[in-house]
């Protein structure tokens, strides 16, 4: 088979498994079609995707014309087209519509609908008004997290809907676990949706935790004021380049992702690969990575008491958490590029044993 990935940019959260797909003996060729290398806003956040395809056999198509896409679809035998969303990105949607004229298999790789500001029923209504016509033209869905899987299974019983995940670059752990107080870390945008304020609320009157924040955003000043007013042990590091984040992670015990909504949350993958314990809200797709309490904890979104209980457990068991750091590094192999690529190709080949990949 030949895999044609139609994506909005060169994503550091998908390239690790795409590269591995190109090494699979069942795959003849992998093509990545994108309208841009990356977005300016992501570059400003420290992202750098320019080197991700170095020394790979993945064929990159950057800003291709419609004529080039048509030629590729015409000439590629046993083509499996994989689109990032249906209408999520204008260019990808245009390529999806171009593919309808050809005998190819089509899959959608997608996050769940954004229920942060619109109820789920509105997303169902929108889909049936705008996209119902495409149901028979799509072979399956790779959905990030439980919400995406249930949403797309409810839309069509004819689709194969596979649980899926983002994948991050693997960094080697080089630092020992921290010592002293519990070291808590947040990495991401300081915006309302990420809900970092709930962490500040939970840390009031708690002197047993040092809280480090990597990132910037509209809520930073407010969070700094809350931290200072309540004497919370915090360090605001601002935006850091992607290649500096792994070392910062290793200086901490626990990564927290308290979002009101996160389709996935790839920072959780990165943290787990380095052996960190993780705490995530139940509105994060990446909660699927937490197999049990040796990996991390899930708290109820917007519930300060639930988060406080999770932090209390961490404080009580911090020595065990630190002792299991390298065991978590070993078990994180299951969420890395090679294993995810094998699962991905199995799904497309209909050779999977079951739908569980974690």
Protein backbone atom coordinates (compact mmCIF):
# COMPACT_ATOMS: atom_id res chain seq x y z
CA UNK A 1 0.00 0.00 0.00
CA UNK A 2 0.97 3.65 -0.41
CA UNK A 3 0.11 6.09 2.37
CA UNK A 4 -0.76 9.69 1.49
CA UNK A 5 -0.98 11.93 4.57
CA UNK A 6 -2.78 15.21 3.86
CA UNK A 7 -2.05 17.51 6.80
CA UNK A 8 -2.13 21.20 7.67
CA UNK A 9 1.60 21.37 8.54
CA UNK A 10 4.62 19.24 9.43
CA UNK A 11 3.50 18.24 12.91
CA UNK A 12 6.07 17.19 15.53
CA UNK A 13 3.23 15.25 17.13
CA UNK A 14 2.61 13.04 14.08
CA UNK A 15 5.91 12.79 12.23
CA UNK A 16 7.43 10.23 14.70
CA UNK A 17 4.92 7.54 13.69
CA UNK A 18 4.74 8.63 10.04
CA UNK A 19 8.51 8.13 9.75
CA UNK A 20 8.12 4.63 11.18
CA UNK A 21 5.28 3.81 8.77
CA UNK A 22 7.77 4.36 5.95
CA UNK A 23 9.91 1.53 7.39
CA UNK A 24 7.06 -0.99 7.50
CA UNK A 25 7.48 -3.73 4.90
CA UNK A 26 3.75 -3.61 4.16
CA UNK A 27 4.07 0.01 3.02
CA UNK A 28 5.56 0.78 -0.39
CA UNK A 29 5.80 4.56 -0.04
CA UNK A 30 4.75 7.33 2.33
CA UNK A 31 3.83 10.80 1.06
CA UNK A 32 3.26 13.84 3.29
CA UNK A 33 1.31 16.65 1.66
CA UNK A 34 1.23 20.00 3.51
CA UNK A 35 0.47 23.64 2.58
CA UNK A 36 3.10 25.00 5.00
CA UNK A 37 5.98 23.85 7.16
CA UNK A 38 4.46 25.36 10.30
CA UNK A 39 2.47 28.30 11.66
CA UNK A 40 4.14 31.51 12.84
CA UNK A 41 2.37 31.27 16.20
CA UNK A 42 3.86 27.83 16.80
CA UNK A 43 7.32 29.03 15.87
CA UNK A 44 6.86 31.84 18.38
CA UNK A 45 6.02 29.17 20.98
CA UNK A 46 9.38 27.50 20.38
CA UNK A 47 8.33 24.84 17.86
CA UNK A 48 10.74 23.85 15.10
CA UNK A 49 9.58 21.35 12.47
CA UNK A 50 12.17 22.04 9.78
CA UNK A 51 14.39 19.05 10.58
CA UNK A 52 11.76 16.40 11.32
CA UNK A 53 11.98 14.69 7.93
CA UNK A 54 15.77 14.68 7.69
CA UNK A 55 17.19 11.26 6.76
CA UNK A 56 13.80 9.69 6.10
CA UNK A 57 12.24 8.14 3.02
CA UNK A 58 9.02 10.12 3.45
CA UNK A 59 8.23 12.07 0.27
CA UNK A 60 7.34 15.66 1.22
CA UNK A 61 4.99 17.72 -0.95
CA UNK A 62 5.14 21.32 0.24
CA UNK A 63 2.52 23.73 -1.17
CA UNK A 64 1.61 21.46 -4.11
CA UNK A 65 -0.69 22.66 -6.86
CA UNK A 66 -4.04 20.99 -7.51
CA UNK A 67 -2.57 19.60 -10.72
CA UNK A 68 0.22 17.92 -8.76
CA UNK A 69 -2.27 16.41 -6.32
CA UNK A 70 -4.44 15.12 -9.16
CA UNK A 71 -1.40 13.56 -10.82
CA UNK A 72 -0.37 11.93 -7.53
CA UNK A 73 -3.85 10.48 -7.02
CA UNK A 74 -3.95 9.21 -10.61
CA UNK A 75 -0.55 7.54 -10.54
CA UNK A 76 -0.44 6.06 -7.04
CA UNK A 77 -1.58 2.44 -6.89
CA UNK A 78 -3.28 1.04 -3.78
CA UNK A 79 -3.47 4.54 -2.34
CA UNK A 80 -4.64 5.08 1.21
CA UNK A 81 -5.41 8.77 1.78
CA UNK A 82 -5.32 10.04 5.36
CA UNK A 83 -6.77 13.48 6.02
CA UNK A 84 -6.35 15.64 9.11
CA UNK A 85 -10.01 16.32 9.78
CA UNK A 86 -12.69 16.91 7.15
CA UNK A 87 -13.28 20.65 7.42
CA UNK A 88 -10.71 21.45 10.09
CA UNK A 89 -8.31 23.00 7.55
CA UNK A 90 -9.26 24.62 4.24
CA UNK A 91 -6.40 23.15 2.21
CA UNK A 92 -6.92 19.63 3.56
CA UNK A 93 -10.64 19.81 2.82
CA UNK A 94 -9.90 20.87 -0.77
CA UNK A 95 -7.59 17.88 -1.18
CA UNK A 96 -10.23 15.61 0.34
CA UNK A 97 -12.73 16.78 -2.29
CA UNK A 98 -10.18 16.28 -5.06
CA UNK A 99 -9.71 12.67 -3.93
CA UNK A 100 -13.41 11.90 -4.41
CA UNK A 101 -12.86 11.51 -8.16
CA UNK A 102 -10.48 8.59 -7.65
CA UNK A 103 -10.60 5.00 -6.41
CA UNK A 104 -8.69 5.38 -3.17
CA UNK A 105 -9.30 4.47 0.44
CA UNK A 106 -9.95 7.43 2.75
CA UNK A 107 -9.43 7.78 6.47
CA UNK A 108 -9.81 10.80 8.72
CA UNK A 109 -7.29 11.44 11.51
CA UNK A 110 -9.00 13.74 13.97
CA UNK A 111 -9.39 15.14 17.44
CA UNK A 112 -12.84 15.17 19.08
CA UNK A 113 -15.19 18.10 18.46
CA UNK A 114 -14.38 21.17 20.52
CA UNK A 115 -16.99 21.11 23.29
CA UNK A 116 -15.25 23.87 25.23
CA UNK A 117 -17.56 26.51 23.72
CA UNK A 118 -20.26 24.50 21.90
CA UNK A 119 -22.35 21.56 23.18
CA UNK A 120 -21.93 18.18 21.54
CA UNK A 121 -25.40 18.18 19.97
CA UNK A 122 -24.44 21.23 17.90
CA UNK A 123 -21.48 19.32 16.45
CA UNK A 124 -23.73 16.41 15.49
CA UNK A 125 -26.15 18.83 13.84
CA UNK A 126 -23.37 20.58 11.94
CA UNK A 127 -21.97 17.26 10.72
CA UNK A 128 -25.29 16.00 9.41
CA UNK A 129 -26.02 19.31 7.66
CA UNK A 130 -22.59 19.76 6.07
CA UNK A 131 -20.84 16.39 5.90
CA UNK A 132 -23.43 13.62 5.86
CA UNK A 133 -22.93 13.36 2.10
CA UNK A 134 -19.37 12.13 2.66
CA UNK A 135 -20.12 9.22 5.01
CA UNK A 136 -20.05 6.59 2.26
CA UNK A 137 -16.80 8.01 0.88
CA UNK A 138 -14.86 7.54 4.13
CA UNK A 139 -13.55 4.12 5.16
CA UNK A 140 -12.64 4.88 8.73
CA UNK A 141 -11.64 7.26 11.49
CA UNK A 142 -8.56 7.47 13.69
CA UNK A 143 -9.87 9.35 16.71
CA UNK A 144 -7.80 10.98 19.43
CA UNK A 145 -9.25 10.03 22.80
CA UNK A 146 -12.48 8.51 24.07
CA UNK A 147 -14.70 11.43 23.04
CA UNK A 148 -13.59 11.30 19.40
CA UNK A 149 -14.10 7.53 19.25
CA UNK A 150 -17.62 7.64 20.71
CA UNK A 151 -18.60 10.69 18.63
CA UNK A 152 -17.64 9.17 15.28
CA UNK A 153 -19.01 5.72 16.13
CA UNK A 154 -22.34 7.39 16.80
CA UNK A 155 -22.26 9.15 13.45
CA UNK A 156 -21.86 6.05 11.30
CA UNK A 157 -21.93 2.31 12.00
CA UNK A 158 -20.26 1.60 8.65
CA UNK A 159 -16.98 3.20 9.67
CA UNK A 160 -14.06 1.51 11.34
CA UNK A 161 -13.28 3.89 14.21
CA UNK A 162 -9.88 3.31 15.80
CA UNK A 163 -8.62 4.83 19.06
CA UNK A 164 -5.51 6.81 18.24
CA UNK A 165 -2.99 9.20 19.76
CA UNK A 166 -0.39 11.82 19.03
CA UNK A 167 3.25 10.77 19.23
CA UNK A 168 6.19 12.90 20.31
CA UNK A 169 9.90 12.69 19.65
CA UNK A 170 11.66 10.41 22.10
CA UNK A 171 14.24 12.05 24.37
CA UNK A 172 16.61 10.04 26.55
CA UNK A 173 16.43 10.64 30.27
CA UNK A 174 19.82 11.84 31.47
CA UNK A 175 19.01 13.34 34.89
CA UNK A 176 18.14 11.51 38.12
CA UNK A 177 14.75 12.05 39.76
CA UNK A 178 14.44 15.27 41.79
CA UNK A 179 14.75 15.43 45.55
CA UNK A 180 13.23 17.57 48.28
CA UNK A 181 9.78 19.07 47.78
CA UNK A 182 7.42 17.76 45.12
CA UNK A 183 8.27 19.40 41.79
CA UNK A 184 5.13 20.12 39.74
CA UNK A 185 5.33 21.29 36.10
CA UNK A 186 2.97 22.82 33.56
CA UNK A 187 4.03 23.20 29.91
CA UNK A 188 1.72 25.02 27.50
CA UNK A 189 -0.15 28.22 26.75
CA UNK A 190 -1.29 30.28 29.72
CA UNK A 191 -4.82 30.73 28.41
CA UNK A 192 -8.27 30.21 29.92
CA UNK A 193 -8.86 26.84 28.22
CA UNK A 194 -5.76 25.38 29.86
CA UNK A 195 -7.27 26.29 33.25
CA UNK A 196 -3.99 26.77 35.13
CA UNK A 197 -5.86 28.92 37.65
CA UNK A 198 -7.36 25.78 39.21
CA UNK A 199 -3.83 24.61 40.02
CA UNK A 200 -3.14 27.90 41.79
CA UNK A 201 -6.37 27.50 43.76
CA UNK A 202 -5.39 23.97 44.77
CA UNK A 203 -1.90 25.08 45.84
CA UNK A 204 -3.07 27.77 48.25
CA UNK A 205 -1.70 27.07 51.74
CA UNK A 206 0.41 24.22 50.33
CA UNK A 207 4.11 24.63 51.00
CA UNK A 208 5.03 21.07 49.96
CA UNK A 209 5.03 21.71 46.21
CA UNK A 210 7.20 23.84 43.93
CA UNK A 211 5.28 24.76 40.76
CA UNK A 212 7.13 25.58 37.51
CA UNK A 213 5.33 26.94 34.45
CA UNK A 214 6.76 26.88 30.92
CA UNK A 215 4.83 28.97 28.40
CA UNK A 216 3.15 32.33 28.04
CA UNK A 217 -0.26 33.75 27.28
CA UNK A 218 -3.03 36.15 28.17
CA UNK A 219 -3.47 34.74 31.69
CA UNK A 220 0.16 34.99 32.79
CA UNK A 221 -0.10 38.30 34.65
CA UNK A 222 -3.23 37.17 36.50
CA UNK A 223 -1.58 33.90 37.49
CA UNK A 224 1.54 35.70 38.71
CA UNK A 225 -0.63 37.95 40.89
CA UNK A 226 -2.49 34.95 42.36
CA UNK A 227 0.79 33.16 43.07
CA UNK A 228 2.34 36.19 44.75
CA UNK A 229 -0.78 37.03 46.76
CA UNK A 230 -1.07 33.48 48.11
CA UNK A 231 2.67 32.88 48.50
CA UNK A 232 2.63 29.88 46.17
CA UNK A 233 6.09 28.57 45.30
CA UNK A 234 6.11 29.27 41.55
CA UNK A 235 8.64 29.82 38.77
CA UNK A 236 7.41 31.32 35.48
CA UNK A 237 9.99 30.41 32.83
CA UNK A 238 8.15 31.83 29.81
CA UNK A 239 8.43 30.33 26.34
CA UNK A 240 11.34 27.95 25.82
CA UNK A 241 12.57 26.26 22.62
CA UNK A 242 11.30 22.71 22.14
CA UNK A 243 14.78 21.25 22.59
CA UNK A 244 15.06 22.73 26.09
CA UNK A 245 11.81 21.29 27.40
CA UNK A 246 13.01 17.68 27.96
CA UNK A 247 15.70 18.82 30.40
CA UNK A 248 13.23 21.03 32.25
CA UNK A 249 10.85 18.08 32.49
CA UNK A 250 13.53 15.89 34.05
CA UNK A 251 13.97 18.43 36.83
CA UNK A 252 10.36 17.80 37.89
CA UNK A 253 8.36 14.92 39.36
CA UNK A 254 4.90 15.54 37.97
CA UNK A 255 3.44 17.12 34.84
CA UNK A 256 -0.04 18.57 35.16
CA UNK A 257 -2.51 19.29 32.34
CA UNK A 258 -5.66 20.80 33.91
CA UNK A 259 -7.43 21.82 30.68
CA UNK A 260 -11.14 22.55 30.38
CA UNK A 261 -10.80 20.85 26.99
CA UNK A 262 -7.85 19.32 25.19
CA UNK A 263 -8.38 17.13 22.14
CA UNK A 264 -5.30 15.26 23.24
CA UNK A 265 -2.40 16.98 25.01
CA UNK A 266 0.86 15.71 23.48
CA UNK A 267 2.89 17.20 26.33
CA UNK A 268 1.63 14.23 28.37
CA UNK A 269 3.32 11.83 25.92
CA UNK A 270 6.59 13.69 26.22
CA UNK A 271 6.46 13.73 30.01
CA UNK A 272 5.62 10.04 30.31
CA UNK A 273 8.45 9.11 27.92
CA UNK A 274 10.84 10.82 30.35
CA UNK A 275 9.40 9.00 33.35
CA UNK A 276 7.32 11.81 34.85
CA UNK A 277 4.16 11.11 36.77
CA UNK A 278 1.17 12.91 35.22
CA UNK A 279 -2.02 14.51 36.48
CA UNK A 280 -4.64 15.38 33.85
CA UNK A 281 -8.23 16.56 33.90
CA UNK A 282 -10.96 14.26 32.64
CA UNK A 283 -11.43 16.64 29.68
CA UNK A 284 -8.05 15.74 28.15
CA UNK A 285 -7.85 13.08 25.45
CA UNK A 286 -4.43 12.03 26.72
CA UNK A 287 -6.05 10.60 29.85
CA UNK A 288 -6.24 7.41 27.74
CA UNK A 289 -2.49 6.98 28.26
CA UNK A 290 -2.88 6.55 32.03
CA UNK A 291 -3.17 2.81 32.53
CA UNK A 292 -3.26 2.96 36.34
CA UNK A 293 -2.06 5.04 39.29
CA UNK A 294 1.57 4.08 38.69
CA UNK A 295 1.37 6.28 35.55
CA UNK A 296 -0.68 9.14 36.94
CA UNK A 297 -4.03 10.43 38.12
CA UNK A 298 -7.15 11.85 36.48
CA UNK A 299 -9.12 14.55 38.30
CA UNK A 300 -12.53 16.00 37.59
CA UNK A 301 -12.32 19.14 35.48
CA UNK A 302 -13.18 22.40 37.28
CA UNK A 303 -13.30 20.53 40.63
CA UNK A 304 -10.69 22.01 42.99
CA UNK A 305 -11.40 19.38 45.64
CA UNK A 306 -10.73 16.59 43.14
CA UNK A 307 -7.42 18.18 42.15
CA UNK A 308 -6.44 18.73 45.79
CA UNK A 309 -7.04 15.04 46.45
CA UNK A 310 -4.76 14.11 43.54
CA UNK A 311 -2.02 16.43 44.80
CA UNK A 312 -2.41 15.01 48.30
CA UNK A 313 -1.82 11.49 46.91
CA UNK A 314 1.30 12.68 45.12
CA UNK A 315 2.73 14.28 48.26
CA UNK A 316 2.01 11.12 50.29
CA UNK A 317 3.63 8.81 47.73
CA UNK A 318 6.39 10.99 46.29
CA UNK A 319 9.17 8.58 47.24
CA UNK A 320 7.45 5.71 45.43
CA UNK A 321 6.79 7.98 42.45
CA UNK A 322 10.48 8.82 42.25
CA UNK A 323 11.55 5.19 42.65
CA UNK A 324 9.35 4.20 39.70
CA UNK A 325 10.71 6.89 37.36
CA UNK A 326 12.76 4.51 35.21
CA UNK A 327 10.02 1.89 35.15
CA UNK A 328 7.72 4.52 33.63
CA UNK A 329 10.41 5.32 31.05
CA UNK A 330 10.49 1.65 30.04
CA UNK A 331 6.71 1.27 29.86
CA UNK A 332 6.39 4.42 27.73
CA UNK A 333 7.79 2.49 24.76
CA UNK A 334 4.17 1.50 24.08
CA UNK A 335 3.25 5.10 23.16
CA UNK A 336 6.24 5.83 20.91
CA UNK A 337 6.61 5.99 17.14
CA UNK A 338 7.47 2.41 16.20
CA UNK A 339 4.70 0.78 18.23
CA UNK A 340 2.07 3.33 17.19
CA UNK A 341 3.05 2.98 13.52
CA UNK A 342 2.69 -0.80 13.72
CA UNK A 343 -0.78 -0.43 15.23
CA UNK A 344 -1.68 2.17 12.60
CA UNK A 345 -0.68 -0.01 9.65
CA UNK A 346 -2.38 -3.01 11.28
CA UNK A 347 -5.63 -1.07 11.42
CA UNK A 348 -5.43 -0.09 7.77
CA UNK A 349 -4.45 -3.64 6.80
CA UNK A 350 -7.37 -5.03 8.81
CA UNK A 351 -4.82 -7.26 10.55
CA UNK A 352 -5.37 -6.00 14.08
CA UNK A 353 -6.20 -8.43 16.90
CA UNK A 354 -8.47 -5.90 18.57
CA UNK A 355 -8.94 -2.15 18.84
CA UNK A 356 -6.81 -1.64 21.93
CA UNK A 357 -3.41 -0.18 21.32
CA UNK A 358 -2.36 1.03 24.74
